[in-house]
């Protein structure tokens, strides 16, 4: 682990894909007494291993369903693997499903404090970053309004602004840079490059292959839950592009 921010060692992850869905309570009871609903085992990841050095930016590309988001959720601790181990050295800020952590009945300001606590920040740390978070989101006029009055784009902007300002050692970025308008997206990229220059470790998933080449020193191509290729980003992107 020395010198590495993340180590993923022979990790396997399985989900159950149900063939039919019970729509009535009676069906659910019948399934219980007849061995349960029918399902197939789907291995989203099959023996994945890789490491990310401290201060390195790693890109992960692949088709939908290749296992990219699954590996992110395993690294961040949202999911647990069936087999294998994951080692993380540092505070993580997962920029994944940014709207999920926002409470609709709380104001934008209250959600900043709530999510800051979820990310492991003290109240003092949040207060020190408060103006920066609000300014970056561009939601100053709405910060005292309940989240239920926000649009989905406003939710994503607030979620991104909180997650990017938590002083994390490791950023997990999963297709969140499409939030907001072009000006806000550019600010997101500028902020990520700034954190990279300051030594943050970045793991970046995107279908925007140009951004992977621009941001990352190394890339992994995932295919059907396995590592298809791992090397410098331009080479991985060129090989992958020939298959899509």
Protein backbone atom coordinates (compact mmCIF):
# COMPACT_ATOMS: atom_id res chain seq x y z
CA UNK A 1 0.00 0.00 0.00
CA UNK A 2 2.99 2.31 0.46
CA UNK A 3 2.86 5.05 -2.17
CA UNK A 4 -0.64 4.02 -3.30
CA UNK A 5 -3.89 5.81 -2.55
CA UNK A 6 -6.03 2.87 -3.72
CA UNK A 7 -5.41 -0.84 -4.21
CA UNK A 8 -8.01 -3.14 -5.72
CA UNK A 9 -6.99 -6.79 -5.37
CA UNK A 10 -8.80 -9.60 -7.23
CA UNK A 11 -12.24 -8.08 -6.66
CA UNK A 12 -15.44 -9.90 -7.70
CA UNK A 13 -18.93 -8.43 -7.47
CA UNK A 14 -22.21 -10.21 -8.21
CA UNK A 15 -25.79 -8.98 -8.56
CA UNK A 16 -29.01 -10.95 -8.86
CA UNK A 17 -31.04 -10.31 -12.00
CA UNK A 18 -34.64 -11.34 -11.37
CA UNK A 19 -36.50 -12.83 -14.33
CA UNK A 20 -39.92 -11.68 -13.13
CA UNK A 21 -41.30 -9.17 -10.66
CA UNK A 22 -44.10 -9.91 -8.22
CA UNK A 23 -46.76 -7.21 -8.50
CA UNK A 24 -49.17 -8.64 -5.91
CA UNK A 25 -48.78 -9.63 -2.26
CA UNK A 26 -50.21 -13.07 -3.09
CA UNK A 27 -47.45 -13.65 -5.68
CA UNK A 28 -44.82 -12.73 -3.11
CA UNK A 29 -46.15 -15.37 -0.67
CA UNK A 30 -46.28 -17.99 -3.43
CA UNK A 31 -42.65 -17.25 -4.30
CA UNK A 32 -41.63 -17.71 -0.65
CA UNK A 33 -43.16 -21.20 -0.47
CA UNK A 34 -41.83 -22.23 -3.89
CA UNK A 35 -38.20 -21.35 -3.37
CA UNK A 36 -38.40 -17.61 -4.05
CA UNK A 37 -38.46 -15.57 -7.26
CA UNK A 38 -36.37 -16.81 -10.18
CA UNK A 39 -33.10 -14.97 -10.78
CA UNK A 40 -29.75 -15.27 -12.54
CA UNK A 41 -26.35 -14.39 -11.06
CA UNK A 42 -24.67 -11.52 -12.91
CA UNK A 43 -20.98 -10.97 -12.23
CA UNK A 44 -20.47 -7.23 -12.72
CA UNK A 45 -16.75 -7.55 -11.85
CA UNK A 46 -14.60 -10.62 -12.34
CA UNK A 47 -11.19 -10.60 -10.66
CA UNK A 48 -10.40 -6.90 -11.08
CA UNK A 49 -6.98 -5.74 -9.83
CA UNK A 50 -5.32 -2.34 -10.14
CA UNK A 51 -3.69 0.36 -8.02
CA UNK A 52 -3.72 4.14 -8.08
CA UNK A 53 -0.63 6.02 -6.92
CA UNK A 54 -0.96 9.03 -4.62
CA UNK A 55 -1.39 12.14 -6.76
CA UNK A 56 -2.14 10.13 -9.90
CA UNK A 57 -5.17 10.60 -12.18
CA UNK A 58 -6.60 7.32 -13.48
CA UNK A 59 -9.32 7.17 -16.14
CA UNK A 60 -11.74 4.24 -16.45
CA UNK A 61 -13.62 3.77 -19.74
CA UNK A 62 -15.93 1.14 -21.17
CA UNK A 63 -19.43 0.54 -22.45
CA UNK A 64 -22.53 0.88 -20.26
CA UNK A 65 -22.67 -2.15 -17.97
CA UNK A 66 -18.93 -2.78 -18.10
CA UNK A 67 -18.59 -2.35 -14.32
CA UNK A 68 -17.31 1.22 -14.07
CA UNK A 69 -19.86 2.57 -11.58
CA UNK A 70 -19.74 -0.69 -9.61
CA UNK A 71 -16.02 -0.36 -8.94
CA UNK A 72 -16.59 3.24 -7.81
CA UNK A 73 -19.26 2.18 -5.33
CA UNK A 74 -16.96 -0.54 -4.00
CA UNK A 75 -14.06 1.87 -3.53
CA UNK A 76 -16.30 4.38 -1.74
CA UNK A 77 -17.74 1.65 0.52
CA UNK A 78 -21.32 1.84 -0.77
CA UNK A 79 -21.05 -1.81 -1.89
CA UNK A 80 -19.00 -4.74 -0.59
CA UNK A 81 -17.28 -7.29 -2.86
CA UNK A 82 -18.10 -11.00 -2.91
CA UNK A 83 -14.37 -11.75 -3.12
CA UNK A 84 -11.16 -9.74 -3.05
CA UNK A 85 -9.99 -6.71 -1.09
CA UNK A 86 -9.92 -2.93 -1.53
CA UNK A 87 -7.48 -0.71 0.37
CA UNK A 88 -7.96 3.08 0.52
CA UNK A 89 -5.45 5.49 2.04
CA UNK A 90 -7.01 8.94 2.54
CA UNK A 91 -10.31 10.83 2.74
CA UNK A 92 -12.55 10.09 -0.26
CA UNK A 93 -14.98 12.45 -1.94
CA UNK A 94 -17.21 10.37 -4.25
CA UNK A 95 -18.76 12.58 -6.95
CA UNK A 96 -21.38 9.94 -7.75
CA UNK A 97 -25.16 10.45 -7.97
CA UNK A 98 -24.74 13.91 -6.49
CA UNK A 99 -28.44 14.53 -5.89
CA UNK A 100 -28.90 11.37 -3.79
CA UNK A 101 -27.55 12.90 -0.57
CA UNK A 102 -29.70 16.04 -0.64
CA UNK A 103 -32.76 16.17 1.63
CA UNK A 104 -35.70 17.78 -0.20
CA UNK A 105 -37.25 19.42 2.87
CA UNK A 106 -34.01 21.08 4.01
CA UNK A 107 -32.70 24.31 2.53
CA UNK A 108 -29.61 24.43 0.34
CA UNK A 109 -27.65 25.83 3.30
CA UNK A 110 -28.83 23.09 5.65
CA UNK A 111 -27.91 20.48 3.05
CA UNK A 112 -24.38 21.86 2.86
CA UNK A 113 -23.94 21.24 6.60
CA UNK A 114 -25.63 17.83 6.38
CA UNK A 115 -23.53 16.61 3.45
CA UNK A 116 -20.37 18.08 4.91
CA UNK A 117 -20.94 15.90 7.99
CA UNK A 118 -21.56 12.87 5.75
CA UNK A 119 -18.21 13.52 4.05
CA UNK A 120 -16.53 13.57 7.47
CA UNK A 121 -16.10 17.34 7.83
CA UNK A 122 -16.49 19.09 11.18
CA UNK A 123 -18.88 22.05 11.47
CA UNK A 124 -15.86 24.35 11.65
CA UNK A 125 -14.47 22.91 8.39
CA UNK A 126 -17.83 23.42 6.67
CA UNK A 127 -18.07 27.02 7.90
CA UNK A 128 -14.57 27.73 6.60
CA UNK A 129 -15.58 26.44 3.15
CA UNK A 130 -19.17 27.76 3.17
CA UNK A 131 -18.73 30.89 1.04
CA UNK A 132 -16.61 28.98 -1.48
CA UNK A 133 -19.23 26.23 -1.81
CA UNK A 134 -22.10 28.69 -2.32
CA UNK A 135 -20.14 30.87 -4.76
CA UNK A 136 -19.03 27.87 -6.80
CA UNK A 137 -22.59 26.54 -7.07
CA UNK A 138 -23.92 29.88 -8.30
CA UNK A 139 -27.01 29.36 -6.13
CA UNK A 140 -26.61 32.30 -3.73
CA UNK A 141 -30.17 33.56 -4.43
CA UNK A 142 -31.68 30.14 -3.66
CA UNK A 143 -29.53 28.91 -0.78
CA UNK A 144 -32.27 29.51 1.86
CA UNK A 145 -34.96 27.76 -0.21
CA UNK A 146 -35.88 24.06 0.27
CA UNK A 147 -34.20 21.64 -2.10
CA UNK A 148 -37.63 20.46 -3.31
CA UNK A 149 -37.97 23.81 -5.09
CA UNK A 150 -34.69 23.29 -7.01
CA UNK A 151 -34.45 21.91 -10.53
CA UNK A 152 -32.45 18.72 -11.07
CA UNK A 153 -29.64 20.82 -12.54
CA UNK A 154 -29.54 23.04 -9.46
CA UNK A 155 -29.44 19.96 -7.22
CA UNK A 156 -26.50 18.56 -9.16
CA UNK A 157 -24.65 21.86 -9.03
CA UNK A 158 -25.03 22.10 -5.25
CA UNK A 159 -24.05 18.44 -4.79
CA UNK A 160 -20.95 18.91 -6.96
CA UNK A 161 -19.97 22.12 -5.15
CA UNK A 162 -20.11 20.39 -1.77
CA UNK A 163 -18.25 17.28 -2.90
CA UNK A 164 -15.46 19.17 -4.66
CA UNK A 165 -14.75 21.38 -1.61
CA UNK A 166 -14.34 18.81 1.18
CA UNK A 167 -10.53 18.80 1.18
CA UNK A 168 -10.47 15.16 0.09
CA UNK A 169 -7.29 13.26 -0.72
CA UNK A 170 -9.09 11.11 -3.32
CA UNK A 171 -11.76 12.21 -5.80
CA UNK A 172 -14.01 9.62 -7.45
CA UNK A 173 -15.64 11.35 -10.42
CA UNK A 174 -18.38 9.45 -12.26
CA UNK A 175 -19.97 11.26 -15.24
CA UNK A 176 -20.90 14.31 -13.20
CA UNK A 177 -19.18 16.96 -15.31
CA UNK A 178 -22.22 17.30 -17.57
CA UNK A 179 -24.14 19.20 -14.89
CA UNK A 180 -25.23 22.76 -15.50
CA UNK A 181 -24.47 24.95 -18.48
CA UNK A 182 -21.23 25.18 -20.45
CA UNK A 183 -19.82 27.88 -18.16
CA UNK A 184 -20.40 25.78 -15.03
CA UNK A 185 -18.95 22.67 -16.70
CA UNK A 186 -15.78 24.62 -17.51
CA UNK A 187 -15.54 25.74 -13.88
CA UNK A 188 -15.83 22.09 -12.83
CA UNK A 189 -12.93 21.07 -15.09
CA UNK A 190 -10.84 24.04 -13.91
CA UNK A 191 -11.46 23.09 -10.27
CA UNK A 192 -10.49 19.46 -10.88
CA UNK A 193 -7.26 20.52 -12.63
CA UNK A 194 -6.54 22.83 -9.69
CA UNK A 195 -6.97 19.98 -7.19
CA UNK A 196 -4.82 17.76 -9.39
CA UNK A 197 -2.01 20.33 -9.30
CA UNK A 198 -2.32 20.37 -5.50
CA UNK A 199 -1.68 16.62 -5.36
CA UNK A 200 -5.17 15.09 -5.17
CA UNK A 201 -5.62 11.52 -6.39
CA UNK A 202 -8.33 11.29 -9.05
CA UNK A 203 -10.22 8.31 -10.44
CA UNK A 204 -12.33 9.47 -13.37
CA UNK A 205 -15.08 7.63 -15.26
CA UNK A 206 -16.45 9.21 -18.43
CA UNK A 207 -17.72 8.52 -21.93
CA UNK A 208 -16.03 11.79 -22.94
CA UNK A 209 -12.82 10.17 -24.14
CA UNK A 210 -11.07 13.47 -24.89
CA UNK A 211 -11.46 14.52 -21.25
CA UNK A 212 -9.92 11.21 -20.12
CA UNK A 213 -6.85 11.88 -22.28
CA UNK A 214 -6.63 15.50 -21.09
CA UNK A 215 -7.02 14.76 -17.37
CA UNK A 216 -5.42 11.36 -16.76
CA UNK A 217 -1.89 9.90 -16.77
CA UNK A 218 -3.17 6.32 -17.08
CA UNK A 219 -6.37 4.62 -18.22
CA UNK A 220 -8.14 1.29 -17.80
CA UNK A 221 -10.60 -0.15 -20.31
CA UNK A 222 -13.23 -2.32 -18.60
CA UNK A 223 -15.19 -4.82 -20.67
CA UNK A 224 -17.83 -7.17 -19.21
CA UNK A 225 -16.37 -6.83 -15.74
CA UNK A 226 -12.75 -7.47 -16.70
CA UNK A 227 -9.72 -5.29 -17.43
CA UNK A 228 -9.34 -5.36 -21.20
CA UNK A 229 -6.39 -2.96 -21.36
CA UNK A 230 -4.33 -0.73 -19.08
CA UNK A 231 -1.73 1.80 -20.23
CA UNK A 232 -1.35 5.52 -21.10
CA UNK A 233 -4.73 7.09 -21.97
CA UNK A 234 -4.21 7.86 -25.66
CA UNK A 235 -3.39 4.24 -26.48
CA UNK A 236 -6.33 2.87 -24.48
CA UNK A 237 -8.77 5.38 -26.01
CA UNK A 238 -7.61 4.61 -29.56
CA UNK A 239 -8.06 0.86 -29.10
CA UNK A 240 -11.43 1.28 -27.35
CA UNK A 241 -12.71 3.72 -30.03
CA UNK A 242 -12.30 1.05 -32.70
CA UNK A 243 -14.83 -1.17 -30.89
CA UNK A 244 -17.67 1.34 -30.44
